[in-house]
N, C-alpha and C. Protein backbone atom coordinates (compact mmCIF):
# COMPACT_ATOMS: atom_id res chain seq x y z
N MET A 1 0.83 -1.35 0.00
CA MET A 1 -0.10 -0.09 -0.01
C MET A 1 0.58 1.42 -0.18
N ILE A 2 2.35 0.97 0.23
CA ILE A 2 3.28 2.26 0.38
C ILE A 2 4.25 1.85 -0.96
N ILE A 3 4.56 2.90 -1.56
CA ILE A 3 5.24 2.89 -2.84
C ILE A 3 6.25 4.07 -2.94
N ASP A 4 7.51 3.63 -3.03
CA ASP A 4 8.40 4.69 -3.73
C ASP A 4 8.24 5.40 -4.63
N PHE A 5 8.47 6.77 -4.89
CA PHE A 5 7.98 7.43 -5.93
C PHE A 5 8.90 7.03 -7.20
N LEU A 6 10.20 6.08 -6.81
CA LEU A 6 10.64 5.68 -8.13
C LEU A 6 10.16 4.54 -8.42
N ASN A 7 9.18 3.96 -8.06
CA ASN A 7 8.75 2.82 -8.48
C ASN A 7 7.22 2.86 -8.93
N ILE A 8 6.78 4.00 -9.34
CA ILE A 8 5.35 4.37 -9.65
C ILE A 8 5.50 4.09 -11.31
N ASP A 9 4.28 3.69 -11.88
CA ASP A 9 4.05 3.61 -13.03
C ASP A 9 3.55 5.06 -13.68
N THR A 10 4.09 5.81 -14.36
CA THR A 10 3.60 7.26 -14.36
C THR A 10 2.52 7.08 -15.65
N SER A 11 2.18 6.06 -16.36
CA SER A 11 0.87 6.12 -17.05
C SER A 11 -0.36 5.84 -16.11
N ASN A 12 -0.19 5.86 -14.55
CA ASN A 12 -1.37 5.73 -14.12
C ASN A 12 -1.56 7.09 -13.24
N LYS A 13 -3.03 7.27 -12.83
CA LYS A 13 -3.13 8.80 -12.16
C LYS A 13 -2.32 8.93 -10.93
N LEU A 14 -2.04 10.39 -10.60
CA LEU A 14 -1.32 10.65 -9.28
C LEU A 14 -1.92 11.69 -8.79
N ILE A 15 -2.77 11.41 -7.64
CA ILE A 15 -3.77 12.40 -7.03
C ILE A 15 -2.63 12.97 -5.74
N ASP A 16 -2.73 14.33 -5.87
CA ASP A 16 -2.30 15.01 -4.61
C ASP A 16 -3.41 15.49 -3.93
N VAL A 17 -3.68 14.85 -2.50
CA VAL A 17 -4.61 14.89 -1.65
C VAL A 17 -4.41 16.38 -0.81
N ARG A 18 -3.62 17.29 -0.85
CA ARG A 18 -3.52 18.32 0.01
C ARG A 18 -4.21 19.29 -0.58
N SER A 19 -4.08 20.28 0.22
CA SER A 19 -5.01 21.40 -0.14
C SER A 19 -4.80 22.24 -1.54
N LYS A 20 -5.66 23.06 -1.68
CA LYS A 20 -5.34 23.57 -3.18
C LYS A 20 -4.33 24.58 -2.72
N SER A 21 -4.23 25.44 -1.88
CA SER A 21 -3.14 26.45 -1.85
C SER A 21 -1.62 25.72 -1.52
N ASP A 22 -1.41 24.48 -1.09
CA ASP A 22 -0.51 23.83 -0.94
C ASP A 22 -0.16 23.24 -2.00
N TYR A 23 -1.00 22.82 -2.99
CA TYR A 23 -0.59 22.06 -4.03
C TYR A 23 -0.37 23.27 -5.53
N ASN A 24 -0.95 24.49 -5.25
CA ASN A 24 -0.46 25.59 -6.15
C ASN A 24 0.78 26.00 -5.57
N ASN A 25 1.76 26.03 -4.35
CA ASN A 25 2.93 26.47 -3.81
C ASN A 25 4.07 25.27 -4.48
N LYS A 26 3.61 23.86 -4.26
CA LYS A 26 4.40 22.93 -4.61
C LYS A 26 3.93 21.84 -5.16
N ARG A 27 4.08 21.26 -6.32
CA ARG A 27 3.48 19.80 -6.71
C ARG A 27 4.57 19.08 -7.49
N ILE A 28 4.04 17.96 -7.82
CA ILE A 28 4.61 17.07 -8.72
C ILE A 28 4.17 17.24 -10.23
N PRO A 29 4.91 17.57 -11.22
CA PRO A 29 4.19 17.67 -12.66
C PRO A 29 3.73 16.44 -12.91
N GLY A 30 2.73 16.67 -13.37
CA GLY A 30 1.55 15.52 -13.89
C GLY A 30 0.46 14.97 -12.71
N SER A 31 0.69 15.78 -11.66
CA SER A 31 -0.49 15.27 -10.61
C SER A 31 -1.65 15.98 -10.77
N ILE A 32 -2.58 15.58 -10.15
CA ILE A 32 -3.60 16.53 -10.22
C ILE A 32 -4.13 16.66 -8.61
N ASN A 33 -4.78 17.75 -8.53
CA ASN A 33 -5.16 18.17 -7.07
C ASN A 33 -6.61 17.64 -6.75
N VAL A 34 -7.10 16.93 -5.85
CA VAL A 34 -8.31 16.23 -5.22
C VAL A 34 -8.00 16.59 -3.95
N PRO A 35 -8.40 17.51 -3.00
CA PRO A 35 -7.99 17.62 -1.68
C PRO A 35 -8.87 16.38 -0.74
N ARG A 36 -8.14 15.78 0.04
CA ARG A 36 -8.77 14.64 0.98
C ARG A 36 -10.05 14.43 1.02
N LEU A 37 -10.91 15.48 1.73
CA LEU A 37 -11.96 15.14 1.98
C LEU A 37 -12.81 15.27 0.75
N GLU A 38 -12.63 15.80 -0.13
CA GLU A 38 -13.19 16.09 -1.33
C GLU A 38 -13.19 14.60 -2.21
N LEU A 39 -12.04 14.08 -2.36
CA LEU A 39 -11.89 12.56 -2.69
C LEU A 39 -12.68 11.49 -1.87
N LEU A 40 -12.38 11.49 -0.46
CA LEU A 40 -12.99 10.71 0.31
C LEU A 40 -14.88 10.39 -0.04
N SER A 41 -15.21 11.81 -0.26
CA SER A 41 -16.58 12.27 0.01
C SER A 41 -17.42 11.36 -1.29
N ASN A 42 -16.49 11.47 -2.34
CA ASN A 42 -17.09 11.20 -3.77
C ASN A 42 -15.72 10.73 -4.65
N PRO A 43 -15.44 9.07 -4.13
CA PRO A 43 -14.22 8.63 -5.06
C PRO A 43 -14.62 8.52 -6.13
N ASN A 44 -15.86 8.11 -6.25
CA ASN A 44 -15.96 7.54 -8.02
C ASN A 44 -15.98 8.85 -8.78
N LYS A 45 -15.93 9.94 -8.35
CA LYS A 45 -16.01 11.00 -9.27
C LYS A 45 -14.52 11.43 -9.95
N TYR A 46 -13.91 10.64 -9.13
CA TYR A 46 -12.13 10.92 -9.59
C TYR A 46 -11.54 9.74 -10.28
N ILE A 47 -11.93 8.62 -9.47
CA ILE A 47 -11.08 7.22 -9.68
C ILE A 47 -12.14 6.03 -9.76
N ASN A 48 -11.63 5.17 -10.72
CA ASN A 48 -12.25 3.85 -10.75
C ASN A 48 -11.83 2.47 -10.23
N LYS A 49 -12.47 1.49 -9.94
CA LYS A 49 -11.92 0.21 -9.27
C LYS A 49 -11.15 -0.27 -9.96
N ASN A 50 -11.17 0.19 -11.44
CA ASN A 50 -10.46 -1.00 -12.34
C ASN A 50 -8.92 -0.27 -12.24
N GLU A 51 -8.46 0.80 -12.18
CA GLU A 51 -7.44 1.52 -12.26
C GLU A 51 -6.58 1.33 -10.54
N THR A 52 -4.98 1.70 -11.15
CA THR A 52 -4.04 2.02 -9.94
C THR A 52 -4.14 3.21 -9.84
N VAL A 53 -4.04 3.86 -8.60
CA VAL A 53 -3.97 5.33 -8.14
C VAL A 53 -2.99 5.51 -7.21
N TYR A 54 -1.88 6.58 -7.55
CA TYR A 54 -1.11 6.70 -6.64
C TYR A 54 -1.56 8.03 -5.75
N LEU A 55 -1.51 8.34 -4.54
CA LEU A 55 -1.67 9.37 -3.64
C LEU A 55 -0.52 9.88 -3.13
N VAL A 56 -0.71 11.13 -2.84
CA VAL A 56 0.54 12.05 -2.32
C VAL A 56 -0.02 12.97 -1.42
N CYS A 57 0.90 13.21 -0.34
CA CYS A 57 0.65 14.42 0.49
C CYS A 57 1.88 15.18 0.88
N ASP A 58 2.18 15.70 1.79
CA ASP A 58 3.09 16.38 2.52
C ASP A 58 4.42 15.31 2.95
N LYS A 59 3.80 14.40 3.95
CA LYS A 59 4.81 13.37 4.37
C LYS A 59 4.53 11.88 4.08
N GLY A 60 2.98 11.80 3.92
CA GLY A 60 2.79 10.38 3.58
C GLY A 60 1.91 9.54 4.36
N LYS A 61 1.63 10.38 5.40
CA LYS A 61 0.69 10.00 6.56
C LYS A 61 -0.54 10.00 6.12
N VAL A 62 -1.36 11.33 5.41
CA VAL A 62 -2.51 11.51 5.10
C VAL A 62 -2.87 10.67 3.85
N SER A 63 -2.38 10.69 3.03
CA SER A 63 -2.31 9.77 1.90
C SER A 63 -2.16 8.35 2.03
N LEU A 64 -1.73 7.72 3.14
CA LEU A 64 -1.63 6.44 3.61
C LEU A 64 -2.95 6.20 3.97
N SER A 65 -3.44 7.30 5.10
CA SER A 65 -5.11 6.83 5.47
C SER A 65 -6.08 6.92 4.44
N CYS A 66 -5.85 7.99 3.48
CA CYS A 66 -6.60 7.96 2.42
C CYS A 66 -6.84 6.47 1.60
N ALA A 67 -5.54 6.11 1.47
CA ALA A 67 -5.51 4.99 0.48
C ALA A 67 -6.00 3.63 1.26
N LYS A 68 -5.76 3.62 2.75
CA LYS A 68 -6.46 2.42 3.21
C LYS A 68 -7.94 2.36 3.52
N ILE A 69 -8.49 3.70 3.39
CA ILE A 69 -10.16 3.79 3.41
C ILE A 69 -10.44 3.40 1.83
N LEU A 70 -10.03 3.78 0.90
CA LEU A 70 -10.11 3.82 -0.55
C LEU A 70 -10.32 2.28 -0.95
N ASN A 71 -9.08 1.66 -0.48
CA ASN A 71 -8.93 0.37 -0.63
C ASN A 71 -9.83 -0.71 -0.21
N SER A 72 -10.30 -0.25 1.41
CA SER A 72 -11.42 -0.93 1.79
C SER A 72 -12.66 -0.97 0.86
N LEU A 73 -13.09 0.11 0.31
CA LEU A 73 -13.89 0.44 -0.54
C LEU A 73 -13.94 -0.16 -1.83
N GLY A 74 -12.61 -0.89 -1.95
CA GLY A 74 -12.46 -1.62 -3.42
C GLY A 74 -11.87 -1.03 -4.67
N TYR A 75 -11.05 -0.32 -4.37
CA TYR A 75 -10.27 0.88 -5.19
C TYR A 75 -9.00 0.21 -4.76
N ASN A 76 -7.88 0.72 -5.65
CA ASN A 76 -6.41 0.20 -5.74
C ASN A 76 -5.75 1.52 -5.90
N CYS A 77 -5.32 1.77 -4.27
CA CYS A 77 -4.27 3.24 -4.27
C CYS A 77 -3.38 2.86 -3.62
N TYR A 78 -2.17 3.53 -3.81
CA TYR A 78 -0.81 3.52 -3.33
C TYR A 78 -0.59 4.82 -2.61
N SER A 79 0.00 4.68 -1.47
CA SER A 79 0.39 6.13 -1.02
C SER A 79 1.86 5.92 -1.48
N ILE A 80 2.60 7.30 -1.65
CA ILE A 80 4.00 7.38 -2.01
C ILE A 80 4.82 7.69 -0.54
N ASP A 81 5.59 7.02 -0.52
CA ASP A 81 6.51 7.13 0.72
C ASP A 81 7.18 8.32 0.93
N GLY A 82 6.94 8.97 2.02
CA GLY A 82 7.66 10.29 2.50
C GLY A 82 6.99 11.43 1.97
N GLY A 83 5.88 11.20 0.82
CA GLY A 83 5.39 12.52 -0.01
C GLY A 83 6.29 13.58 -0.61
N ILE A 84 5.55 14.59 -0.68
CA ILE A 84 5.94 15.93 -1.46
C ILE A 84 7.58 16.06 -0.67
N GLU A 85 7.66 15.98 0.88
CA GLU A 85 8.51 16.59 1.05
C GLU A 85 9.72 15.60 0.97
N LYS A 86 9.93 14.16 0.48
CA LYS A 86 10.76 13.33 0.47
C LYS A 86 11.25 13.62 -1.13
N ILE A 87 10.04 13.64 -1.88
CA ILE A 87 10.30 13.59 -3.25
C ILE A 87 11.13 14.91 -3.70
N LEU A 88 10.64 16.10 -3.52
CA LEU A 88 10.82 17.56 -4.02
C LEU A 88 11.88 18.00 -3.27
N ASN A 89 12.42 17.60 -2.18
CA ASN A 89 13.50 17.98 -1.54
C ASN A 89 15.03 17.34 -1.73
């Protein structure tokens, strides 16, 4: 459920679950921003159960909790280890 950024398949969706302001300040190129509560309240609007999705946050803890919830609902989500702080620093 946790994956290193270097091991992701770039053809899959990368969702940044941080706030819009945090996303606008610093982001991974190619990622889309869907804040955590928005994603969890209506996941089928953004992802489907047949795709692999990577989630990222600041340090990896929030995206991991999101991945656990979404996976329990039948989605296939991974949290990027260490989050934005590890990837972009």
